[in-house]
N, C-alpha and C. Protein backbone atom coordinates (compact mmCIF):
# COMPACT_ATOMS: atom_id res chain seq x y z
N MET A 1 -10.67 -12.04 -117.79
CA MET A 1 -9.72 -11.30 -116.97
C MET A 1 -10.49 -10.44 -115.98
N SER A 2 -10.17 -10.59 -114.72
CA SER A 2 -10.87 -9.82 -113.72
C SER A 2 -10.32 -8.40 -113.65
N GLU A 3 -11.11 -7.54 -113.05
CA GLU A 3 -10.71 -6.15 -112.95
C GLU A 3 -9.45 -6.03 -112.08
N GLY A 4 -8.55 -5.20 -112.48
CA GLY A 4 -7.33 -5.00 -111.72
C GLY A 4 -6.20 -5.91 -112.16
N GLN A 5 -6.53 -6.96 -112.92
CA GLN A 5 -5.51 -7.85 -113.44
C GLN A 5 -4.86 -7.22 -114.65
N LYS A 6 -3.56 -7.29 -114.72
CA LYS A 6 -2.85 -6.68 -115.85
C LYS A 6 -2.87 -7.64 -117.03
N TYR A 7 -3.24 -7.11 -118.18
CA TYR A 7 -3.30 -7.91 -119.40
C TYR A 7 -1.89 -8.12 -119.94
N GLU A 8 -1.55 -9.35 -120.21
CA GLU A 8 -0.27 -9.69 -120.83
C GLU A 8 -0.57 -10.43 -122.13
N PRO A 9 -0.17 -9.89 -123.26
CA PRO A 9 -0.40 -10.59 -124.52
C PRO A 9 0.44 -11.86 -124.59
N ASP A 10 -0.12 -12.90 -125.17
CA ASP A 10 0.60 -14.17 -125.28
C ASP A 10 1.44 -14.16 -126.56
N LEU A 11 2.56 -13.48 -126.49
CA LEU A 11 3.42 -13.30 -127.66
C LEU A 11 4.15 -14.59 -128.03
N MET A 12 4.43 -15.42 -127.04
CA MET A 12 5.09 -16.69 -127.34
C MET A 12 4.16 -17.60 -128.13
N ALA A 13 2.87 -17.52 -127.84
CA ALA A 13 1.90 -18.33 -128.59
C ALA A 13 1.88 -17.93 -130.06
N VAL A 14 2.07 -16.66 -130.34
CA VAL A 14 2.11 -16.19 -131.74
C VAL A 14 3.32 -16.80 -132.44
N TYR A 15 4.45 -16.79 -131.76
CA TYR A 15 5.67 -17.35 -132.36
C TYR A 15 5.51 -18.86 -132.59
N GLU A 16 4.99 -19.55 -131.59
CA GLU A 16 4.80 -21.00 -131.72
C GLU A 16 3.82 -21.33 -132.83
N ARG A 17 2.77 -20.55 -132.94
CA ARG A 17 1.80 -20.77 -134.02
C ARG A 17 2.46 -20.50 -135.38
N TYR A 18 3.28 -19.47 -135.43
CA TYR A 18 4.00 -19.15 -136.66
C TYR A 18 4.88 -20.33 -137.09
N GLU A 19 5.62 -20.88 -136.13
CA GLU A 19 6.48 -22.03 -136.43
C GLU A 19 5.66 -23.22 -136.92
N LYS A 20 4.55 -23.48 -136.27
CA LYS A 20 3.70 -24.62 -136.61
C LYS A 20 3.04 -24.44 -137.98
N VAL A 21 2.45 -23.28 -138.20
CA VAL A 21 1.75 -23.02 -139.46
C VAL A 21 2.73 -22.95 -140.63
N GLN A 22 3.91 -22.45 -140.37
CA GLN A 22 4.92 -22.32 -141.42
C GLN A 22 5.30 -23.70 -141.98
N LYS A 23 5.31 -24.71 -141.10
CA LYS A 23 5.63 -26.07 -141.55
C LYS A 23 4.50 -26.64 -142.40
N GLN A 24 3.27 -26.28 -142.05
CA GLN A 24 2.11 -26.78 -142.78
C GLN A 24 1.87 -26.01 -144.07
N LYS A 25 2.10 -24.72 -144.03
CA LYS A 25 1.88 -23.85 -145.19
C LYS A 25 3.14 -23.02 -145.42
N PRO A 26 4.05 -23.51 -146.25
CA PRO A 26 5.32 -22.81 -146.44
C PRO A 26 5.18 -21.39 -147.00
N GLY A 27 4.09 -21.08 -147.63
CA GLY A 27 3.90 -19.74 -148.21
C GLY A 27 3.57 -18.67 -147.19
N LEU A 28 3.33 -19.09 -145.94
CA LEU A 28 2.97 -18.14 -144.89
C LEU A 28 4.03 -17.07 -144.70
N GLN A 29 5.27 -17.50 -144.60
CA GLN A 29 6.35 -16.55 -144.37
C GLN A 29 6.45 -15.55 -145.52
N ALA A 30 6.34 -16.03 -146.74
CA ALA A 30 6.41 -15.14 -147.90
C ALA A 30 5.26 -14.15 -147.89
N GLU A 31 4.08 -14.65 -147.51
CA GLU A 31 2.91 -13.77 -147.44
C GLU A 31 3.15 -12.63 -146.45
N LEU A 32 3.74 -12.96 -145.32
CA LEU A 32 3.99 -11.96 -144.30
C LEU A 32 5.15 -11.04 -144.66
N ARG A 33 6.14 -11.57 -145.37
CA ARG A 33 7.29 -10.76 -145.76
C ARG A 33 6.95 -9.75 -146.85
N ARG A 34 5.94 -10.05 -147.64
CA ARG A 34 5.60 -9.19 -148.78
C ARG A 34 4.98 -7.86 -148.37
N VAL A 35 4.43 -7.77 -147.20
CA VAL A 35 3.78 -6.52 -146.82
C VAL A 35 4.82 -5.42 -146.64
N ALA A 36 4.46 -4.24 -147.09
CA ALA A 36 5.40 -3.12 -147.02
C ALA A 36 5.31 -2.36 -145.71
N ARG A 37 4.10 -2.33 -145.13
CA ARG A 37 3.90 -1.58 -143.90
C ARG A 37 3.07 -2.43 -142.93
N PRO A 38 3.19 -2.20 -141.63
CA PRO A 38 2.44 -3.02 -140.67
C PRO A 38 0.94 -3.00 -140.92
N GLU A 39 0.40 -1.86 -141.29
CA GLU A 39 -1.05 -1.79 -141.49
C GLU A 39 -1.53 -2.57 -142.71
N ASP A 40 -0.61 -2.94 -143.59
CA ASP A 40 -0.97 -3.77 -144.75
C ASP A 40 -1.38 -5.18 -144.32
N LEU A 41 -1.02 -5.57 -143.12
CA LEU A 41 -1.33 -6.92 -142.64
C LEU A 41 -2.83 -7.17 -142.49
N ILE A 42 -3.61 -6.12 -142.40
CA ILE A 42 -5.06 -6.32 -142.24
C ILE A 42 -5.70 -6.94 -143.47
N GLU A 43 -4.95 -6.99 -144.57
CA GLU A 43 -5.45 -7.61 -145.80
C GLU A 43 -4.78 -8.95 -146.08
N VAL A 44 -4.06 -9.47 -145.10
CA VAL A 44 -3.32 -10.72 -145.29
C VAL A 44 -3.92 -11.81 -144.39
N PRO A 45 -4.47 -12.87 -145.00
CA PRO A 45 -5.09 -13.94 -144.20
C PRO A 45 -4.13 -14.59 -143.19
N ALA A 46 -2.86 -14.70 -143.55
CA ALA A 46 -1.88 -15.32 -142.64
C ALA A 46 -1.80 -14.58 -141.31
N PHE A 47 -1.97 -13.28 -141.36
CA PHE A 47 -1.94 -12.47 -140.13
C PHE A 47 -3.03 -12.93 -139.17
N TYR A 48 -4.22 -13.13 -139.69
CA TYR A 48 -5.35 -13.53 -138.84
C TYR A 48 -5.20 -14.97 -138.33
N ARG A 49 -4.55 -15.82 -139.14
CA ARG A 49 -4.30 -17.19 -138.68
C ARG A 49 -3.38 -17.18 -137.46
N LEU A 50 -2.42 -16.26 -137.45
CA LEU A 50 -1.47 -16.21 -136.35
C LEU A 50 -2.06 -15.66 -135.06
N ILE A 51 -2.92 -14.70 -135.18
CA ILE A 51 -3.41 -14.03 -133.96
C ILE A 51 -4.79 -14.50 -133.51
N GLN A 52 -5.37 -15.43 -134.27
CA GLN A 52 -6.71 -15.92 -133.93
C GLN A 52 -6.75 -16.45 -132.50
N ASN A 53 -7.68 -15.99 -131.71
CA ASN A 53 -7.87 -16.37 -130.30
C ASN A 53 -6.72 -15.94 -129.40
N ILE A 54 -5.84 -15.11 -129.88
CA ILE A 54 -4.75 -14.57 -129.06
C ILE A 54 -4.94 -13.06 -128.90
N ALA A 55 -5.12 -12.38 -130.00
CA ALA A 55 -5.29 -10.92 -129.97
C ALA A 55 -6.75 -10.56 -129.76
N THR A 56 -6.94 -9.38 -129.23
CA THR A 56 -8.30 -8.84 -129.11
C THR A 56 -8.42 -7.67 -130.08
N SER A 57 -9.61 -7.22 -130.27
CA SER A 57 -9.79 -6.09 -131.19
C SER A 57 -9.09 -4.83 -130.66
N LYS A 58 -8.86 -4.78 -129.35
CA LYS A 58 -8.20 -3.61 -128.76
C LYS A 58 -6.71 -3.58 -129.05
N ASP A 59 -6.10 -4.74 -129.17
CA ASP A 59 -4.64 -4.74 -129.38
C ASP A 59 -4.21 -5.28 -130.74
N ILE A 60 -5.13 -5.33 -131.66
CA ILE A 60 -4.79 -5.85 -132.99
C ILE A 60 -3.72 -4.97 -133.66
N TYR A 61 -3.77 -3.69 -133.41
CA TYR A 61 -2.77 -2.79 -133.98
C TYR A 61 -1.36 -3.13 -133.47
N ARG A 62 -1.28 -3.44 -132.18
CA ARG A 62 0.03 -3.82 -131.61
C ARG A 62 0.51 -5.16 -132.17
N PHE A 63 -0.42 -6.07 -132.39
CA PHE A 63 -0.03 -7.35 -132.98
C PHE A 63 0.40 -7.19 -134.44
N GLN A 64 -0.11 -6.18 -135.11
CA GLN A 64 0.38 -5.89 -136.47
C GLN A 64 1.87 -5.59 -136.44
N ARG A 65 2.30 -4.81 -135.48
CA ARG A 65 3.73 -4.48 -135.36
C ARG A 65 4.55 -5.73 -135.11
N VAL A 66 4.07 -6.59 -134.21
CA VAL A 66 4.80 -7.81 -133.85
C VAL A 66 4.91 -8.75 -135.05
N VAL A 67 3.79 -8.98 -135.71
CA VAL A 67 3.77 -9.92 -136.84
C VAL A 67 4.54 -9.35 -138.03
N TYR A 68 4.57 -8.04 -138.14
CA TYR A 68 5.33 -7.38 -139.21
C TYR A 68 6.83 -7.74 -139.11
N CYS A 69 7.33 -7.83 -137.90
CA CYS A 69 8.75 -8.14 -137.69
C CYS A 69 9.02 -9.65 -137.50
N LEU A 70 7.98 -10.40 -137.17
CA LEU A 70 8.12 -11.82 -136.85
C LEU A 70 8.91 -12.66 -137.86
N PRO A 71 8.66 -12.56 -139.17
CA PRO A 71 9.37 -13.45 -140.10
C PRO A 71 10.89 -13.22 -140.15
N LEU A 72 11.35 -12.14 -139.56
CA LEU A 72 12.77 -11.80 -139.64
C LEU A 72 13.53 -12.11 -138.35
N ILE A 73 12.84 -12.68 -137.38
CA ILE A 73 13.47 -12.96 -136.09
C ILE A 73 13.39 -14.46 -135.79
N ALA A 74 14.52 -15.02 -135.44
CA ALA A 74 14.55 -16.41 -134.99
C ALA A 74 14.68 -16.41 -133.47
N HIS A 75 13.92 -17.27 -132.82
CA HIS A 75 13.94 -17.33 -131.37
C HIS A 75 15.09 -18.21 -130.88
N GLN A 76 15.73 -17.73 -129.83
CA GLN A 76 16.75 -18.52 -129.15
C GLN A 76 16.58 -18.25 -127.66
N ASP A 77 16.40 -19.32 -126.88
CA ASP A 77 16.27 -19.13 -125.43
C ASP A 77 17.51 -18.42 -124.90
N GLY A 78 17.29 -17.35 -124.14
CA GLY A 78 18.39 -16.59 -123.59
C GLY A 78 19.16 -15.81 -124.65
N GLY A 79 18.55 -15.62 -125.80
CA GLY A 79 19.19 -14.88 -126.89
C GLY A 79 19.36 -13.40 -126.55
N ASP A 80 19.96 -12.70 -127.46
CA ASP A 80 20.24 -11.28 -127.25
C ASP A 80 18.97 -10.46 -127.26
N SER A 81 19.09 -9.27 -126.69
CA SER A 81 18.01 -8.29 -126.83
C SER A 81 18.14 -7.68 -128.22
N LEU A 82 17.13 -6.97 -128.61
CA LEU A 82 17.13 -6.35 -129.93
C LEU A 82 18.31 -5.37 -130.09
N GLY A 83 18.51 -4.52 -129.12
CA GLY A 83 19.59 -3.53 -129.19
C GLY A 83 20.96 -4.19 -129.21
N ARG A 84 21.13 -5.20 -128.39
CA ARG A 84 22.41 -5.90 -128.34
C ARG A 84 22.71 -6.61 -129.67
N ALA A 85 21.68 -7.21 -130.27
CA ALA A 85 21.88 -7.89 -131.55
C ALA A 85 22.27 -6.89 -132.64
N LEU A 86 21.68 -5.72 -132.61
CA LEU A 86 22.03 -4.70 -133.60
C LEU A 86 23.47 -4.24 -133.38
N ALA A 87 23.87 -4.11 -132.12
CA ALA A 87 25.26 -3.71 -131.83
C ALA A 87 26.24 -4.80 -132.25
N LYS A 88 25.90 -6.05 -131.96
CA LYS A 88 26.79 -7.17 -132.35
C LYS A 88 26.98 -7.23 -133.85
N ALA A 89 25.95 -6.84 -134.60
CA ALA A 89 26.02 -6.88 -136.06
C ALA A 89 26.70 -5.64 -136.63
N ASP A 90 27.20 -4.79 -135.75
CA ASP A 90 27.88 -3.56 -136.16
C ASP A 90 27.01 -2.65 -137.05
N ILE A 91 25.78 -2.55 -136.68
CA ILE A 91 24.89 -1.62 -137.37
C ILE A 91 25.36 -0.20 -137.06
N ASN A 92 25.43 0.60 -138.07
CA ASN A 92 25.84 1.99 -137.91
C ASN A 92 24.83 2.71 -137.02
N GLU A 93 25.34 3.45 -136.04
CA GLU A 93 24.43 4.11 -135.11
C GLU A 93 23.53 5.14 -135.79
N LYS A 94 23.96 5.67 -136.92
CA LYS A 94 23.10 6.62 -137.65
C LYS A 94 21.82 5.92 -138.12
N ARG A 95 21.94 4.68 -138.52
CA ARG A 95 20.76 3.93 -138.96
C ARG A 95 19.84 3.64 -137.77
N LEU A 96 20.44 3.38 -136.62
CA LEU A 96 19.63 3.16 -135.43
C LEU A 96 18.90 4.44 -135.03
N PHE A 97 19.59 5.56 -135.14
CA PHE A 97 18.93 6.82 -134.80
C PHE A 97 17.82 7.16 -135.79
N MET A 98 17.93 6.69 -137.01
CA MET A 98 16.83 6.87 -137.96
C MET A 98 15.59 6.15 -137.46
N VAL A 99 15.79 4.98 -136.88
CA VAL A 99 14.67 4.23 -136.29
C VAL A 99 14.10 5.00 -135.11
N ILE A 100 14.97 5.43 -134.23
CA ILE A 100 14.54 6.07 -132.98
C ILE A 100 13.81 7.39 -133.25
N ARG A 101 14.29 8.15 -134.20
CA ARG A 101 13.73 9.49 -134.44
C ARG A 101 12.54 9.49 -135.39
N SER A 102 12.30 8.43 -136.08
CA SER A 102 11.19 8.38 -137.02
C SER A 102 9.87 8.14 -136.29
N GLU A 103 8.83 8.53 -136.93
CA GLU A 103 7.48 8.29 -136.41
C GLU A 103 6.93 7.02 -137.05
N GLU A 104 5.93 6.44 -136.42
CA GLU A 104 5.29 5.26 -136.97
C GLU A 104 4.56 5.60 -138.26
N PRO A 105 4.57 4.81 -139.25
CA PRO A 105 5.14 3.48 -139.35
C PRO A 105 6.59 3.46 -139.86
N ASN A 106 7.14 4.64 -140.17
CA ASN A 106 8.50 4.65 -140.74
C ASN A 106 9.55 4.07 -139.80
N ASP A 107 9.38 4.24 -138.50
CA ASP A 107 10.35 3.67 -137.57
C ASP A 107 10.36 2.15 -137.64
N LEU A 108 9.17 1.56 -137.75
CA LEU A 108 9.10 0.10 -137.86
C LEU A 108 9.61 -0.39 -139.21
N ILE A 109 9.36 0.37 -140.23
CA ILE A 109 9.87 0.00 -141.55
C ILE A 109 11.40 0.02 -141.54
N GLN A 110 11.98 1.03 -140.90
CA GLN A 110 13.44 1.10 -140.77
C GLN A 110 13.97 -0.06 -139.92
N LEU A 111 13.27 -0.34 -138.82
CA LEU A 111 13.69 -1.45 -137.94
C LEU A 111 13.64 -2.77 -138.70
N ARG A 112 12.60 -2.95 -139.47
CA ARG A 112 12.46 -4.21 -140.23
C ARG A 112 13.60 -4.36 -141.24
N ARG A 113 14.01 -3.26 -141.85
CA ARG A 113 15.15 -3.33 -142.78
C ARG A 113 16.42 -3.78 -142.06
N LEU A 114 16.61 -3.27 -140.85
CA LEU A 114 17.78 -3.69 -140.07
C LEU A 114 17.69 -5.17 -139.72
N LEU A 115 16.51 -5.61 -139.33
CA LEU A 115 16.32 -7.03 -139.00
C LEU A 115 16.57 -7.91 -140.21
N LYS A 116 16.13 -7.44 -141.36
CA LYS A 116 16.34 -8.20 -142.59
C LYS A 116 17.83 -8.31 -142.90
N GLN A 117 18.54 -7.27 -142.61
CA GLN A 117 19.99 -7.26 -142.87
C GLN A 117 20.74 -8.19 -141.94
N ILE A 118 20.40 -8.21 -140.66
CA ILE A 118 21.22 -8.97 -139.71
C ILE A 118 20.66 -10.35 -139.40
N GLN A 119 19.37 -10.61 -139.69
CA GLN A 119 18.72 -11.89 -139.43
C GLN A 119 19.09 -12.41 -138.03
N PRO A 120 18.62 -11.72 -137.01
CA PRO A 120 19.07 -12.03 -135.64
C PRO A 120 18.40 -13.25 -135.01
N LYS A 121 19.11 -13.83 -134.05
CA LYS A 121 18.54 -14.84 -133.17
C LYS A 121 18.39 -14.14 -131.82
N LEU A 122 17.14 -13.93 -131.44
CA LEU A 122 16.85 -13.14 -130.26
C LEU A 122 16.02 -13.93 -129.28
N ASP A 123 15.97 -13.42 -128.07
CA ASP A 123 14.98 -13.91 -127.12
C ASP A 123 13.65 -13.34 -127.61
N TRP A 124 12.86 -14.17 -128.25
CA TRP A 124 11.63 -13.71 -128.90
C TRP A 124 10.72 -12.93 -127.97
N LEU A 125 10.54 -13.45 -126.78
CA LEU A 125 9.61 -12.81 -125.85
C LEU A 125 10.03 -11.38 -125.53
N SER A 126 11.29 -11.20 -125.30
CA SER A 126 11.81 -9.86 -125.00
C SER A 126 11.68 -8.94 -126.22
N ALA A 127 12.08 -9.43 -127.37
CA ALA A 127 12.00 -8.61 -128.59
C ALA A 127 10.55 -8.31 -128.95
N ALA A 128 9.69 -9.30 -128.82
CA ALA A 128 8.29 -9.10 -129.16
C ALA A 128 7.63 -8.09 -128.22
N LYS A 129 7.99 -8.13 -126.94
CA LYS A 129 7.43 -7.14 -126.00
C LYS A 129 7.87 -5.73 -126.38
N THR A 130 9.14 -5.60 -126.77
CA THR A 130 9.64 -4.28 -127.20
C THR A 130 8.83 -3.77 -128.38
N ILE A 131 8.56 -4.64 -129.33
CA ILE A 131 7.83 -4.24 -130.53
C ILE A 131 6.34 -4.05 -130.22
N TYR A 132 5.80 -4.90 -129.38
CA TYR A 132 4.38 -4.80 -129.01
C TYR A 132 4.10 -3.45 -128.34
N TYR A 133 4.97 -3.10 -127.39
CA TYR A 133 4.79 -1.84 -126.66
C TYR A 133 5.57 -0.70 -127.29
N TRP A 134 5.83 -0.76 -128.54
CA TRP A 134 6.69 0.20 -129.26
C TRP A 134 6.25 1.63 -128.97
N ASN A 135 7.10 2.32 -128.21
CA ASN A 135 6.85 3.72 -127.86
C ASN A 135 8.20 4.35 -127.53
N ASP A 136 8.20 5.56 -127.01
CA ASP A 136 9.46 6.23 -126.70
C ASP A 136 10.29 5.44 -125.68
N ARG A 137 9.63 4.86 -124.71
CA ARG A 137 10.35 4.08 -123.68
C ARG A 137 11.01 2.84 -124.30
N ALA A 138 10.29 2.15 -125.17
CA ALA A 138 10.85 0.96 -125.83
C ALA A 138 12.02 1.35 -126.73
N LYS A 139 11.88 2.48 -127.40
CA LYS A 139 12.97 2.95 -128.26
C LYS A 139 14.20 3.32 -127.42
N ARG A 140 13.97 3.95 -126.29
CA ARG A 140 15.08 4.31 -125.41
C ARG A 140 15.79 3.05 -124.91
N GLN A 141 15.03 2.02 -124.56
CA GLN A 141 15.63 0.77 -124.09
C GLN A 141 16.46 0.12 -125.20
N LEU A 142 15.95 0.18 -126.41
CA LEU A 142 16.67 -0.34 -127.57
C LEU A 142 18.01 0.38 -127.72
N LEU A 143 17.96 1.68 -127.62
CA LEU A 143 19.16 2.51 -127.74
C LEU A 143 20.16 2.21 -126.62
N GLU A 144 19.66 2.08 -125.38
CA GLU A 144 20.53 1.78 -124.25
C GLU A 144 21.20 0.42 -124.41
N ASP A 145 20.44 -0.58 -124.80
CA ASP A 145 21.02 -1.91 -125.01
C ASP A 145 22.10 -1.86 -126.09
N PHE A 146 21.84 -1.10 -127.13
CA PHE A 146 22.81 -0.96 -128.23
C PHE A 146 24.11 -0.36 -127.72
N PHE A 147 24.03 0.76 -127.03
CA PHE A 147 25.25 1.45 -126.58
C PHE A 147 25.92 0.75 -125.41
N PHE A 148 25.16 0.14 -124.51
CA PHE A 148 25.78 -0.58 -123.41
C PHE A 148 26.61 -1.75 -123.94
N TYR A 149 26.09 -2.45 -124.94
CA TYR A 149 26.86 -3.55 -125.51
C TYR A 149 28.10 -3.01 -126.22
N GLN A 150 27.97 -1.91 -126.94
CA GLN A 150 29.13 -1.34 -127.63
C GLN A 150 30.21 -0.94 -126.63
N ASN A 151 29.79 -0.34 -125.50
CA ASN A 151 30.76 0.05 -124.48
C ASN A 151 31.44 -1.17 -123.88
N THR A 152 30.71 -2.24 -123.65
CA THR A 152 31.28 -3.48 -123.13
C THR A 152 32.28 -4.05 -124.12
N LYS A 153 31.92 -4.03 -125.39
CA LYS A 153 32.78 -4.56 -126.44
C LYS A 153 34.07 -3.75 -126.53
N THR A 154 33.96 -2.44 -126.40
CA THR A 154 35.13 -1.56 -126.48
C THR A 154 36.08 -1.82 -125.32
N LYS A 155 35.54 -1.99 -124.11
CA LYS A 155 36.38 -2.27 -122.94
C LYS A 155 37.09 -3.61 -123.07
N GLU A 156 36.39 -4.60 -123.60
CA GLU A 156 37.00 -5.92 -123.75
C GLU A 156 38.12 -5.92 -124.77
N SER A 157 37.98 -5.12 -125.82
CA SER A 157 39.02 -5.10 -126.86
C SER A 157 40.19 -4.22 -126.48
N ALA A 158 40.05 -3.37 -125.45
CA ALA A 158 41.15 -2.47 -125.05
C ALA A 158 42.21 -3.20 -124.25
């Protein structure tokens, strides 16, 4: 990468590798689901199989967040955003605010619980970018998507 070029992580490659490896080694998903916290992935060989030649040592922490949520998200082209999927599943806004107001890693642990509950079909690239860049801005976008969809739903039902 030349100087001045913006680095873009290849998050779709991680998903595609996950799909491919999962067919070859069915225990991969279970291995990834068993971890309790994102940082636990550093002791899981499946994590390294997924990010090999994709992640760098500088962004391995961000890939931990992505892979932590990966087994709970199914990709669908043009699928919902993370916030919209949570709104469609009628997740209580108090639970969403628990995610937004918590600090790492508790916010991701809470988010993962919600994903486990709703088993969403999302636009993987969009959801993965939100999780990869997980910060106050990403959380705000999640919240906006959630409430904008709820407002749309309310207007349609009126």
